[in-house]
């Protein structure tokens, strides 16, 4: 991704950084990818992950232990966070709107804890 955007002004060509996929694809080397791309990041995708490649409910994986939001704070990041639900959010129940809303509220609460932490 860096090779694609490095010659462009970040206000013209930007990226959405997806820490969950970066962990899956690059393991502990995700930080070096972030560092190269940080000037071009204009949105952050948030989803929790357990290695090797299982997306899980917020708070059940390693996203919250990465220090990622501290890194964003040091950059004075003020762009959007995009919550992604790429896991089975109703593994033992019928998928309903009410259950989805409950799931998103829970994820939002965990996201707030990560942001403060």
PDB file of N, CA and C in Angstrom:
ATOM      1  N   UNK A   1       0.821  -1.191   0.000  1.00  0.00           N
ATOM      2  CA  UNK A   1       0.000   0.000   0.000  1.00  0.00           C
ATOM      3  C   UNK A   1       0.870   1.262   0.000  1.00  0.00           C
ATOM      4  N   UNK A   2       1.920   1.248   0.798  1.00  0.00           N
ATOM      5  CA  UNK A   2       2.799   2.416   0.867  1.00  0.00           C
ATOM      6  C   UNK A   2       3.396   2.743  -0.493  1.00  0.00           C
ATOM      7  N   UNK A   3       3.795   1.717  -1.222  1.00  0.00           N
ATOM      8  CA  UNK A   3       4.385   1.949  -2.546  1.00  0.00           C
ATOM      9  C   UNK A   3       3.399   2.645  -3.479  1.00  0.00           C
ATOM     10  N   UNK A   4       2.127   2.425  -3.279  1.00  0.00           N
ATOM     11  CA  UNK A   4       1.106   3.047  -4.119  1.00  0.00           C
ATOM     12  C   UNK A   4       0.900   4.511  -3.747  1.00  0.00           C
ATOM     13  N   UNK A   5       0.879   4.834  -2.452  1.00  0.00           N
ATOM     14  CA  UNK A   5       0.509   6.189  -2.020  1.00  0.00           C
ATOM     15  C   UNK A   5       1.686   7.109  -1.738  1.00  0.00           C
ATOM     16  N   UNK A   6       2.888   6.592  -1.660  1.00  0.00           N
ATOM     17  CA  UNK A   6       4.006   7.391  -1.161  1.00  0.00           C
ATOM     18  C   UNK A   6       4.312   8.643  -1.970  1.00  0.00           C
ATOM     19  N   UNK A   7       4.043   8.675  -3.224  1.00  0.00           N
ATOM     20  CA  UNK A   7       4.331   9.859  -4.026  1.00  0.00           C
ATOM     21  C   UNK A   7       3.203  10.874  -4.084  1.00  0.00           C
ATOM     22  N   UNK A   8       2.109  10.585  -3.403  1.00  0.00           N
ATOM     23  CA  UNK A   8       0.936  11.461  -3.457  1.00  0.00           C
ATOM     24  C   UNK A   8       0.793  12.291  -2.196  1.00  0.00           C
ATOM     25  N   UNK A   9       0.176  13.451  -2.361  1.00  0.00           N
ATOM     26  CA  UNK A   9      -0.205  14.271  -1.225  1.00  0.00           C
ATOM     27  C   UNK A   9      -1.295  13.500  -0.464  1.00  0.00           C
ATOM     28  N   UNK A  10      -1.172  13.341   0.863  1.00  0.00           N
ATOM     29  CA  UNK A  10      -2.179  12.596   1.629  1.00  0.00           C
ATOM     30  C   UNK A  10      -3.584  13.189   1.546  1.00  0.00           C
ATOM     31  N   UNK A  11      -3.698  14.473   1.205  1.00  0.00           N
ATOM     32  CA  UNK A  11      -5.028  15.067   1.047  1.00  0.00           C
ATOM     33  C   UNK A  11      -5.673  14.677  -0.279  1.00  0.00           C
ATOM     34  N   UNK A  12      -4.880  14.087  -1.174  1.00  0.00           N
ATOM     35  CA  UNK A  12      -5.416  13.646  -2.457  1.00  0.00           C
ATOM     36  C   UNK A  12      -5.614  12.138  -2.522  1.00  0.00           C
ATOM     37  N   UNK A  13      -4.669  11.382  -1.963  1.00  0.00           N
ATOM     38  CA  UNK A  13      -4.755   9.921  -1.941  1.00  0.00           C
ATOM     39  C   UNK A  13      -4.497   9.469  -0.506  1.00  0.00           C
ATOM     40  N   UNK A  14      -5.489   8.872   0.083  1.00  0.00           N
ATOM     41  CA  UNK A  14      -5.374   8.437   1.469  1.00  0.00           C
ATOM     42  C   UNK A  14      -5.714   6.955   1.572  1.00  0.00           C
ATOM     43  N   UNK A  15      -5.532   6.402   2.765  1.00  0.00           N
ATOM     44  CA  UNK A  15      -5.841   4.992   2.988  1.00  0.00           C
ATOM     45  C   UNK A  15      -6.715   4.835   4.226  1.00  0.00           C
ATOM     46  N   UNK A  16      -7.393   3.722   4.262  1.00  0.00           N
ATOM     47  CA  UNK A  16      -8.114   3.276   5.449  1.00  0.00           C
ATOM     48  C   UNK A  16      -7.242   2.192   6.073  1.00  0.00           C
ATOM     49  N   UNK A  17      -6.789   2.419   7.285  1.00  0.00           N
ATOM     50  CA  UNK A  17      -5.928   1.436   7.942  1.00  0.00           C
ATOM     51  C   UNK A  17      -6.795   0.475   8.739  1.00  0.00           C
ATOM     52  N   UNK A  18      -6.603  -0.799   8.492  1.00  0.00           N
ATOM     53  CA  UNK A  18      -7.390  -1.867   9.107  1.00  0.00           C
ATOM     54  C   UNK A  18      -6.452  -2.700   9.981  1.00  0.00           C
ATOM     55  N   UNK A  19      -6.423  -2.391  11.275  1.00  0.00           N
ATOM     56  CA  UNK A  19      -5.507  -3.085  12.175  1.00  0.00           C
ATOM     57  C   UNK A  19      -5.805  -4.577  12.243  1.00  0.00           C
ATOM     58  N   UNK A  20      -7.065  -4.961  12.247  1.00  0.00           N
ATOM     59  CA  UNK A  20      -7.396  -6.387  12.295  1.00  0.00           C
ATOM     60  C   UNK A  20      -6.757  -7.156  11.154  1.00  0.00           C
ATOM     61  N   UNK A  21      -6.917  -6.654   9.937  1.00  0.00           N
ATOM     62  CA  UNK A  21      -6.309  -7.326   8.790  1.00  0.00           C
ATOM     63  C   UNK A  21      -4.795  -7.189   8.794  1.00  0.00           C
ATOM     64  N   UNK A  22      -4.282  -6.065   9.307  1.00  0.00           N
ATOM     65  CA  UNK A  22      -2.826  -5.904   9.382  1.00  0.00           C
ATOM     66  C   UNK A  22      -2.218  -6.937  10.325  1.00  0.00           C
ATOM     67  N   UNK A  23      -2.890  -7.226  11.429  1.00  0.00           N
ATOM     68  CA  UNK A  23      -2.413  -8.254  12.361  1.00  0.00           C
ATOM     69  C   UNK A  23      -2.417  -9.617  11.686  1.00  0.00           C
ATOM     70  N   UNK A  24      -3.500  -9.933  10.969  1.00  0.00           N
ATOM     71  CA  UNK A  24      -3.593 -11.216  10.276  1.00  0.00           C
ATOM     72  C   UNK A  24      -2.507 -11.330   9.206  1.00  0.00           C
ATOM     73  N   UNK A  25      -2.334 -10.284   8.418  1.00  0.00           N
ATOM     74  CA  UNK A  25      -1.404 -10.344   7.289  1.00  0.00           C
ATOM     75  C   UNK A  25       0.062 -10.197   7.688  1.00  0.00           C
ATOM     76  N   UNK A  26       0.324  -9.374   8.709  1.00  0.00           N
ATOM     77  CA  UNK A  26       1.708  -9.029   9.017  1.00  0.00           C
ATOM     78  C   UNK A  26       2.150  -9.387  10.436  1.00  0.00           C
ATOM     79  N   UNK A  27       1.245  -9.944  11.233  1.00  0.00           N
ATOM     80  CA  UNK A  27       1.603 -10.315  12.603  1.00  0.00           C
ATOM     81  C   UNK A  27       2.102  -9.105  13.372  1.00  0.00           C
ATOM     82  N   UNK A  28       3.153  -9.299  14.141  1.00  0.00           N
ATOM     83  CA  UNK A  28       3.689  -8.213  14.959  1.00  0.00           C
ATOM     84  C   UNK A  28       4.365  -7.128  14.134  1.00  0.00           C
ATOM     85  N   UNK A  29       4.531  -7.345  12.863  1.00  0.00           N
ATOM     86  CA  UNK A  29       5.133  -6.339  11.989  1.00  0.00           C
ATOM     87  C   UNK A  29       4.122  -5.291  11.510  1.00  0.00           C
ATOM     88  N   UNK A  30       2.876  -5.371  11.993  1.00  0.00           N
ATOM     89  CA  UNK A  30       1.864  -4.399  11.579  1.00  0.00           C
ATOM     90  C   UNK A  30       2.296  -2.972  11.914  1.00  0.00           C
ATOM     91  N   UNK A  31       3.053  -2.800  12.993  1.00  0.00           N
ATOM     92  CA  UNK A  31       3.473  -1.448  13.392  1.00  0.00           C
ATOM     93  C   UNK A  31       4.334  -0.770  12.320  1.00  0.00           C
ATOM     94  N   UNK A  32       5.210  -1.521  11.700  1.00  0.00           N
ATOM     95  CA  UNK A  32       6.045  -0.913  10.655  1.00  0.00           C
ATOM     96  C   UNK A  32       5.194  -0.486   9.473  1.00  0.00           C
ATOM     97  N   UNK A  33       4.150  -1.238   9.148  1.00  0.00           N
ATOM     98  CA  UNK A  33       3.238  -0.853   8.064  1.00  0.00           C
ATOM     99  C   UNK A  33       2.492   0.429   8.445  1.00  0.00           C
ATOM    100  N   UNK A  34       2.037   0.473   9.699  1.00  0.00           N
ATOM    101  CA  UNK A  34       1.344   1.663  10.189  1.00  0.00           C
ATOM    102  C   UNK A  34       2.257   2.885  10.112  1.00  0.00           C
ATOM    103  N   UNK A  35       3.477   2.747  10.569  1.00  0.00           N
ATOM    104  CA  UNK A  35       4.415   3.872  10.577  1.00  0.00           C
ATOM    105  C   UNK A  35       4.639   4.422   9.172  1.00  0.00           C
ATOM    106  N   UNK A  36       4.753   3.544   8.186  1.00  0.00           N
ATOM    107  CA  UNK A  36       4.954   4.002   6.810  1.00  0.00           C
ATOM    108  C   UNK A  36       3.720   4.732   6.273  1.00  0.00           C
ATOM    109  N   UNK A  37       2.546   4.271   6.667  1.00  0.00           N
ATOM    110  CA  UNK A  37       1.304   4.805   6.118  1.00  0.00           C
ATOM    111  C   UNK A  37       0.685   5.932   6.936  1.00  0.00           C
ATOM    112  N   UNK A  38       1.179   6.200   8.129  1.00  0.00           N
ATOM    113  CA  UNK A  38       0.476   7.077   9.071  1.00  0.00           C
ATOM    114  C   UNK A  38       0.103   8.442   8.500  1.00  0.00           C
ATOM    115  N   UNK A  39       0.917   9.024   7.651  1.00  0.00           N
ATOM    116  CA  UNK A  39       0.574  10.330   7.081  1.00  0.00           C
ATOM    117  C   UNK A  39      -0.585  10.257   6.098  1.00  0.00           C
ATOM    118  N   UNK A  40      -0.844   9.081   5.567  1.00  0.00           N
ATOM    119  CA  UNK A  40      -1.902   8.902   4.580  1.00  0.00           C
ATOM    120  C   UNK A  40      -3.190   8.335   5.180  1.00  0.00           C
ATOM    121  N   UNK A  41      -3.204   8.032   6.449  1.00  0.00           N
ATOM    122  CA  UNK A  41      -4.382   7.413   7.057  1.00  0.00           C
ATOM    123  C   UNK A  41      -5.455   8.469   7.302  1.00  0.00           C
ATOM    124  N   UNK A  42      -6.637   8.225   6.720  1.00  0.00           N
ATOM    125  CA  UNK A  42      -7.750   9.155   6.874  1.00  0.00           C
ATOM    126  C   UNK A  42      -8.999   8.490   7.454  1.00  0.00           C
ATOM    127  N   UNK A  43      -8.932   7.193   7.642  1.00  0.00           N
ATOM    128  CA  UNK A  43      -9.986   6.458   8.338  1.00  0.00           C
ATOM    129  C   UNK A  43      -9.342   5.204   8.911  1.00  0.00           C
ATOM    130  N   UNK A  44      -9.846   4.787  10.063  1.00  0.00           N
ATOM    131  CA  UNK A  44      -9.346   3.575  10.709  1.00  0.00           C
ATOM    132  C   UNK A  44     -10.499   2.596  10.842  1.00  0.00           C
ATOM    133  N   UNK A  45     -10.276   1.381  10.355  1.00  0.00           N
ATOM    134  CA  UNK A  45     -11.257   0.311  10.527  1.00  0.00           C
ATOM    135  C   UNK A  45     -10.957  -0.395  11.833  1.00  0.00           C
ATOM    136  N   UNK A  46     -12.007  -0.625  12.606  1.00  0.00           N
ATOM    137  CA  UNK A  46     -11.843  -1.258  13.906  1.00  0.00           C
ATOM    138  C   UNK A  46     -12.594  -2.579  13.914  1.00  0.00           C
ATOM    139  N   UNK A  47     -11.841  -3.643  14.139  1.00  0.00           N
ATOM    140  CA  UNK A  47     -12.418  -4.967  14.359  1.00  0.00           C
ATOM    141  C   UNK A  47     -11.413  -5.753  15.172  1.00  0.00           C
ATOM    142  N   UNK A  48     -11.904  -6.616  16.024  1.00  0.00           N
ATOM    143  CA  UNK A  48     -11.020  -7.378  16.897  1.00  0.00           C
ATOM    144  C   UNK A  48     -10.679  -8.709  16.235  1.00  0.00           C
ATOM    145  N   UNK A  49      -9.516  -9.239  16.593  1.00  0.00           N
ATOM    146  CA  UNK A  49      -9.021 -10.440  15.927  1.00  0.00           C
ATOM    147  C   UNK A  49      -8.242 -11.312  16.906  1.00  0.00           C
ATOM    148  N   UNK A  50      -8.403 -12.607  16.714  1.00  0.00           N
ATOM    149  CA  UNK A  50      -7.551 -13.607  17.364  1.00  0.00           C
ATOM    150  C   UNK A  50      -6.762 -14.269  16.257  1.00  0.00           C
ATOM    151  N   UNK A  51      -5.485 -14.391  16.473  1.00  0.00           N
ATOM    152  CA  UNK A  51      -4.667 -15.058  15.459  1.00  0.00           C
ATOM    153  C   UNK A  51      -4.935 -16.543  15.481  1.00  0.00           C
ATOM    154  N   UNK A  52      -4.842 -17.179  14.315  1.00  0.00           N
ATOM    155  CA  UNK A  52      -4.199 -16.629  13.135  1.00  0.00           C
ATOM    156  C   UNK A  52      -5.103 -15.730  12.293  1.00  0.00           C
ATOM    157  N   UNK A  53      -6.421 -15.967  12.289  1.00  0.00           N
ATOM    158  CA  UNK A  53      -7.247 -15.138  11.393  1.00  0.00           C
ATOM    159  C   UNK A  53      -8.724 -15.157  11.760  1.00  0.00           C
ATOM    160  N   UNK A  54      -9.032 -15.183  13.026  1.00  0.00           N
ATOM    161  CA  UNK A  54     -10.434 -15.240  13.442  1.00  0.00           C
ATOM    162  C   UNK A  54     -10.878 -13.881  13.959  1.00  0.00           C
ATOM    163  N   UNK A  55     -11.847 -13.268  13.283  1.00  0.00           N
ATOM    164  CA  UNK A  55     -12.410 -12.020  13.770  1.00  0.00           C
ATOM    165  C   UNK A  55     -13.429 -12.351  14.845  1.00  0.00           C
ATOM    166  N   UNK A  56     -13.387 -11.591  15.930  1.00  0.00           N
ATOM    167  CA  UNK A  56     -14.187 -11.875  17.120  1.00  0.00           C
ATOM    168  C   UNK A  56     -14.851 -10.599  17.614  1.00  0.00           C
ATOM    169  N   UNK A  57     -15.765 -10.764  18.564  1.00  0.00           N
ATOM    170  CA  UNK A  57     -16.427  -9.611  19.175  1.00  0.00           C
ATOM    171  C   UNK A  57     -15.386  -8.704  19.828  1.00  0.00           C
ATOM    172  N   UNK A  58     -15.670  -7.421  19.825  1.00  0.00           N
ATOM    173  CA  UNK A  58     -14.759  -6.459  20.431  1.00  0.00           C
ATOM    174  C   UNK A  58     -14.469  -6.872  21.872  1.00  0.00           C
ATOM    175  N   UNK A  59     -13.203  -6.867  22.229  1.00  0.00           N
ATOM    176  CA  UNK A  59     -12.791  -7.231  23.580  1.00  0.00           C
ATOM    177  C   UNK A  59     -12.374  -8.677  23.726  1.00  0.00           C
ATOM    178  N   UNK A  60     -12.608  -9.505  22.716  1.00  0.00           N
ATOM    179  CA  UNK A  60     -12.268 -10.923  22.804  1.00  0.00           C
ATOM    180  C   UNK A  60     -10.948 -11.274  22.121  1.00  0.00           C
ATOM    181  N   UNK A  61     -10.368 -10.316  21.433  1.00  0.00           N
ATOM    182  CA  UNK A  61      -9.128 -10.577  20.711  1.00  0.00           C
ATOM    183  C   UNK A  61      -7.989  -9.721  21.232  1.00  0.00           C
ATOM    184  N   UNK A  62      -7.062  -9.405  20.346  1.00  0.00           N
ATOM    185  CA  UNK A  62      -5.868  -8.685  20.778  1.00  0.00           C
ATOM    186  C   UNK A  62      -5.847  -7.208  20.413  1.00  0.00           C
ATOM    187  N   UNK A  63      -6.845  -6.715  19.711  1.00  0.00           N
ATOM    188  CA  UNK A  63      -6.861  -5.309  19.304  1.00  0.00           C
ATOM    189  C   UNK A  63      -6.625  -4.377  20.492  1.00  0.00           C
ATOM    190  N   UNK A  64      -7.331  -4.592  21.560  1.00  0.00           N
ATOM    191  CA  UNK A  64      -7.244  -3.708  22.724  1.00  0.00           C
ATOM    192  C   UNK A  64      -5.903  -3.740  23.428  1.00  0.00           C
ATOM    193  N   UNK A  65      -5.077  -4.729  23.160  1.00  0.00           N
ATOM    194  CA  UNK A  65      -3.759  -4.839  23.810  1.00  0.00           C
ATOM    195  C   UNK A  65      -2.620  -4.334  22.933  1.00  0.00           C
ATOM    196  N   UNK A  66      -2.931  -3.756  21.795  1.00  0.00           N
ATOM    197  CA  UNK A  66      -1.890  -3.347  20.858  1.00  0.00           C
ATOM    198  C   UNK A  66      -1.315  -1.962  21.130  1.00  0.00           C
ATOM    199  N   UNK A  67      -2.027  -1.138  21.890  1.00  0.00           N
ATOM    200  CA  UNK A  67      -1.599   0.245  22.072  1.00  0.00           C
ATOM    201  C   UNK A  67      -1.907   1.109  20.859  1.00  0.00           C
ATOM    202  N   UNK A  68      -2.749   0.602  19.975  1.00  0.00           N
ATOM    203  CA  UNK A  68      -3.045   1.285  18.722  1.00  0.00           C
ATOM    204  C   UNK A  68      -3.656   2.666  18.936  1.00  0.00           C
ATOM    205  N   UNK A  69      -4.599   2.788  19.856  1.00  0.00           N
ATOM    206  CA  UNK A  69      -5.235   4.083  20.060  1.00  0.00           C
ATOM    207  C   UNK A  69      -4.280   5.092  20.684  1.00  0.00           C
ATOM    208  N   UNK A  70      -3.323   4.638  21.470  1.00  0.00           N
ATOM    209  CA  UNK A  70      -2.286   5.550  21.974  1.00  0.00           C
ATOM    210  C   UNK A  70      -1.456   6.075  20.800  1.00  0.00           C
ATOM    211  N   UNK A  71      -1.179   5.218  19.843  1.00  0.00           N
ATOM    212  CA  UNK A  71      -0.443   5.640  18.648  1.00  0.00           C
ATOM    213  C   UNK A  71      -1.248   6.692  17.883  1.00  0.00           C
ATOM    214  N   UNK A  72      -2.551   6.471  17.740  1.00  0.00           N
ATOM    215  CA  UNK A  72      -3.398   7.437  17.050  1.00  0.00           C
ATOM    216  C   UNK A  72      -3.447   8.760  17.813  1.00  0.00           C
ATOM    217  N   UNK A  73      -3.530   8.676  19.129  1.00  0.00           N
ATOM    218  CA  UNK A  73      -3.577   9.896  19.937  1.00  0.00           C
ATOM    219  C   UNK A  73      -2.302  10.717  19.763  1.00  0.00           C
ATOM    220  N   UNK A  74      -1.149  10.056  19.723  1.00  0.00           N
ATOM    221  CA  UNK A  74       0.113  10.768  19.519  1.00  0.00           C
ATOM    222  C   UNK A  74       0.148  11.473  18.162  1.00  0.00           C
ATOM    223  N   UNK A  75      -0.587  10.950  17.204  1.00  0.00           N
ATOM    224  CA  UNK A  75      -0.673  11.576  15.884  1.00  0.00           C
ATOM    225  C   UNK A  75      -1.752  12.659  15.831  1.00  0.00           C
ATOM    226  N   UNK A  76      -2.464  12.826  16.944  1.00  0.00           N
ATOM    227  CA  UNK A  76      -3.591  13.756  17.001  1.00  0.00           C
ATOM    228  C   UNK A  76      -4.651  13.376  15.961  1.00  0.00           C
ATOM    229  N   UNK A  77      -4.894  12.086  15.831  1.00  0.00           N
ATOM    230  CA  UNK A  77      -5.848  11.542  14.854  1.00  0.00           C
ATOM    231  C   UNK A  77      -7.246  12.064  15.151  1.00  0.00           C
ATOM    232  N   UNK A  78      -7.876  12.649  14.148  1.00  0.00           N
ATOM    233  CA  UNK A  78      -9.224  13.197  14.295  1.00  0.00           C
ATOM    234  C   UNK A  78     -10.154  12.754  13.175  1.00  0.00           C
ATOM    235  N   UNK A  79      -9.773  11.725  12.458  1.00  0.00           N
ATOM    236  CA  UNK A  79     -10.587  11.220  11.354  1.00  0.00           C
ATOM    237  C   UNK A  79     -11.523  10.125  11.880  1.00  0.00           C
ATOM    238  N   UNK A  80     -12.391   9.606  11.037  1.00  0.00           N
ATOM    239  CA  UNK A  80     -13.374   8.624  11.483  1.00  0.00           C
ATOM    240  C   UNK A  80     -12.778   7.277  11.904  1.00  0.00           C
ATOM    241  N   UNK A  81     -13.501   6.627  12.796  1.00  0.00           N
ATOM    242  CA  UNK A  81     -13.300   5.217  13.128  1.00  0.00           C
ATOM    243  C   UNK A  81     -14.495   4.486  12.524  1.00  0.00           C
ATOM    244  N   UNK A  82     -14.234   3.395  11.867  1.00  0.00           N
ATOM    245  CA  UNK A  82     -15.296   2.618  11.247  1.00  0.00           C
ATOM    246  C   UNK A  82     -15.359   1.257  11.919  1.00  0.00           C
ATOM    247  N   UNK A  83     -16.434   1.019  12.691  1.00  0.00           N
ATOM    248  CA  UNK A  83     -16.592  -0.270  13.372  1.00  0.00           C
ATOM    249  C   UNK A  83     -17.013  -1.322  12.356  1.00  0.00           C
ATOM    250  N   UNK A  84     -16.294  -2.435  12.369  1.00  0.00           N
ATOM    251  CA  UNK A  84     -16.613  -3.541  11.469  1.00  0.00           C
ATOM    252  C   UNK A  84     -17.018  -4.758  12.289  1.00  0.00           C
ATOM    253  N   UNK A  85     -18.091  -5.378  11.883  1.00  0.00           N
ATOM    254  CA  UNK A  85     -18.576  -6.598  12.524  1.00  0.00           C
ATOM    255  C   UNK A  85     -18.379  -7.723  11.519  1.00  0.00           C
ATOM    256  N   UNK A  86     -17.201  -8.337  11.582  1.00  0.00           N
ATOM    257  CA  UNK A  86     -16.857  -9.413  10.634  1.00  0.00           C
ATOM    258  C   UNK A  86     -16.745 -10.738  11.368  1.00  0.00           C
ATOM    259  N   UNK A  87     -17.623 -10.939  12.311  1.00  0.00           N
ATOM    260  CA  UNK A  87     -17.669 -12.180  13.069  1.00  0.00           C
ATOM    261  C   UNK A  87     -19.132 -12.575  13.210  1.00  0.00           C
ATOM    262  N   UNK A  88     -19.375 -13.795  13.623  1.00  0.00           N
ATOM    263  CA  UNK A  88     -20.755 -14.265  13.803  1.00  0.00           C
ATOM    264  C   UNK A  88     -21.307 -13.654  15.079  1.00  0.00           C
ATOM    265  N   UNK A  89     -22.041 -12.578  14.943  1.00  0.00           N
ATOM    266  CA  UNK A  89     -22.557 -11.847  16.096  1.00  0.00           C
ATOM    267  C   UNK A  89     -23.814 -12.473  16.698  1.00  0.00           C
ATOM    268  N   UNK A  90     -24.300 -13.531  16.129  1.00  0.00           N
ATOM    269  CA  UNK A  90     -25.455 -14.237  16.684  1.00  0.00           C
ATOM    270  C   UNK A  90     -25.228 -15.743  16.554  1.00  0.00           C
ATOM    271  N   UNK A  91     -24.165 -16.271  17.173  1.00  0.00           N
ATOM    272  CA  UNK A  91     -23.850 -17.685  16.947  1.00  0.00           C
ATOM    273  C   UNK A  91     -24.892 -18.656  17.488  1.00  0.00           C
ATOM    274  N   UNK A  92     -25.656 -18.246  18.493  1.00  0.00           N
ATOM    275  CA  UNK A  92     -26.622 -19.166  19.106  1.00  0.00           C
ATOM    276  C   UNK A  92     -28.033 -18.614  19.105  1.00  0.00           C
ATOM    277  N   UNK A  93     -28.273 -17.624  18.254  1.00  0.00           N
ATOM    278  CA  UNK A  93     -29.599 -17.013  18.225  1.00  0.00           C
ATOM    279  C   UNK A  93     -29.934 -16.586  16.799  1.00  0.00           C
ATOM    280  N   UNK A  94     -31.208 -16.308  16.602  1.00  0.00           N
ATOM    281  CA  UNK A  94     -31.649 -15.799  15.312  1.00  0.00           C
ATOM    282  C   UNK A  94     -31.149 -14.363  15.162  1.00  0.00           C
ATOM    283  N   UNK A  95     -30.644 -14.032  13.993  1.00  0.00           N
ATOM    284  CA  UNK A  95     -30.181 -12.675  13.738  1.00  0.00           C
ATOM    285  C   UNK A  95     -31.391 -11.753  13.590  1.00  0.00           C
ATOM    286  N   UNK A  96     -31.495 -10.836  14.524  1.00  0.00           N
ATOM    287  CA  UNK A  96     -32.582  -9.860  14.514  1.00  0.00           C
ATOM    288  C   UNK A  96     -31.984  -8.461  14.603  1.00  0.00           C
ATOM    289  N   UNK A  97     -32.794  -7.490  14.266  1.00  0.00           N
ATOM    290  CA  UNK A  97     -32.346  -6.109  14.381  1.00  0.00           C
ATOM    291  C   UNK A  97     -32.001  -5.788  15.829  1.00  0.00           C
ATOM    292  N   UNK A  98     -32.850  -6.215  16.749  1.00  0.00           N
ATOM    293  CA  UNK A  98     -32.618  -5.931  18.173  1.00  0.00           C
ATOM    294  C   UNK A  98     -31.290  -6.522  18.650  1.00  0.00           C
ATOM    295  N   UNK A  99     -30.992  -7.734  18.226  1.00  0.00           N
ATOM    296  CA  UNK A  99     -29.731  -8.357  18.633  1.00  0.00           C
ATOM    297  C   UNK A  99     -28.538  -7.637  17.998  1.00  0.00           C
ATOM    298  N   UNK A 100     -28.695  -7.201  16.756  1.00  0.00           N
ATOM    299  CA  UNK A 100     -27.618  -6.448  16.113  1.00  0.00           C
ATOM    300  C   UNK A 100     -27.378  -5.127  16.844  1.00  0.00           C
ATOM    301  N   UNK A 101     -28.426  -4.431  17.197  1.00  0.00           N
ATOM    302  CA  UNK A 101     -28.295  -3.167  17.940  1.00  0.00           C
ATOM    303  C   UNK A 101     -27.597  -3.415  19.272  1.00  0.00           C
ATOM    304  N   UNK A 102     -27.974  -4.474  19.975  1.00  0.00           N
ATOM    305  CA  UNK A 102     -27.330  -4.825  21.244  1.00  0.00           C
ATOM    306  C   UNK A 102     -25.842  -5.115  21.036  1.00  0.00           C
ATOM    307  N   UNK A 103     -25.524  -5.844  19.986  1.00  0.00           N
ATOM    308  CA  UNK A 103     -24.130  -6.165  19.665  1.00  0.00           C
ATOM    309  C   UNK A 103     -23.335  -4.905  19.384  1.00  0.00           C
ATOM    310  N   UNK A 104     -23.899  -3.999  18.587  1.00  0.00           N
ATOM    311  CA  UNK A 104     -23.207  -2.763  18.247  1.00  0.00           C
ATOM    312  C   UNK A 104     -23.004  -1.877  19.472  1.00  0.00           C
ATOM    313  N   UNK A 105     -23.981  -1.845  20.365  1.00  0.00           N
ATOM    314  CA  UNK A 105     -23.831  -1.070  21.602  1.00  0.00           C
ATOM    315  C   UNK A 105     -22.711  -1.640  22.472  1.00  0.00           C
ATOM    316  N   UNK A 106     -22.640  -2.937  22.543  1.00  0.00           N
ATOM    317  CA  UNK A 106     -21.564  -3.585  23.303  1.00  0.00           C
ATOM    318  C   UNK A 106     -20.212  -3.261  22.668  1.00  0.00           C
ATOM    319  N   UNK A 107     -20.126  -3.379  21.354  1.00  0.00           N
ATOM    320  CA  UNK A 107     -18.889  -3.044  20.654  1.00  0.00           C
ATOM    321  C   UNK A 107     -18.518  -1.586  20.878  1.00  0.00           C
ATOM    322  N   UNK A 108     -19.504  -0.714  20.858  1.00  0.00           N
ATOM    323  CA  UNK A 108     -19.256   0.722  21.073  1.00  0.00           C
ATOM    324  C   UNK A 108     -18.696   0.974  22.476  1.00  0.00           C
ATOM    325  N   UNK A 109     -19.224   0.264  23.456  1.00  0.00           N
ATOM    326  CA  UNK A 109     -18.736   0.409  24.828  1.00  0.00           C
ATOM    327  C   UNK A 109     -17.268  -0.018  24.916  1.00  0.00           C
ATOM    328  N   UNK A 110     -16.944  -1.174  24.325  1.00  0.00           N
ATOM    329  CA  UNK A 110     -15.567  -1.662  24.329  1.00  0.00           C
ATOM    330  C   UNK A 110     -14.672  -0.685  23.566  1.00  0.00           C
ATOM    331  N   UNK A 111     -15.139  -0.184  22.440  1.00  0.00           N
ATOM    332  CA  UNK A 111     -14.375   0.785  21.669  1.00  0.00           C
ATOM    333  C   UNK A 111     -14.058   2.007  22.522  1.00  0.00           C
ATOM    334  N   UNK A 112     -15.022   2.483  23.285  1.00  0.00           N
ATOM    335  CA  UNK A 112     -14.800   3.610  24.175  1.00  0.00           C
ATOM    336  C   UNK A 112     -13.748   3.307  25.227  1.00  0.00           C
ATOM    337  N   UNK A 113     -13.767   2.105  25.755  1.00  0.00           N
ATOM    338  CA  UNK A 113     -12.758   1.699  26.749  1.00  0.00           C
ATOM    339  C   UNK A 113     -11.369   1.676  26.116  1.00  0.00           C
ATOM    340  N   UNK A 114     -11.275   1.138  24.905  1.00  0.00           N
ATOM    341  CA  UNK A 114      -9.986   1.117  24.203  1.00  0.00           C
ATOM    342  C   UNK A 114      -9.484   2.531  23.979  1.00  0.00           C
ATOM    343  N   UNK A 115     -10.384   3.418  23.547  1.00  0.00           N
ATOM    344  CA  UNK A 115      -9.995   4.783  23.240  1.00  0.00           C
ATOM    345  C   UNK A 115      -9.469   5.497  24.479  1.00  0.00           C
ATOM    346  N   UNK A 116     -10.123   5.281  25.612  1.00  0.00           N
ATOM    347  CA  UNK A 116      -9.694   5.921  26.866  1.00  0.00           C
ATOM    348  C   UNK A 116      -8.403   5.313  27.389  1.00  0.00           C
ATOM    349  N   UNK A 117      -8.217   3.998  27.140  1.00  0.00           N
ATOM    350  CA  UNK A 117      -7.078   3.260  27.692  1.00  0.00           C
ATOM    351  C   UNK A 117      -5.793   3.648  27.068  1.00  0.00           C
TER     352      UNK A 117
END
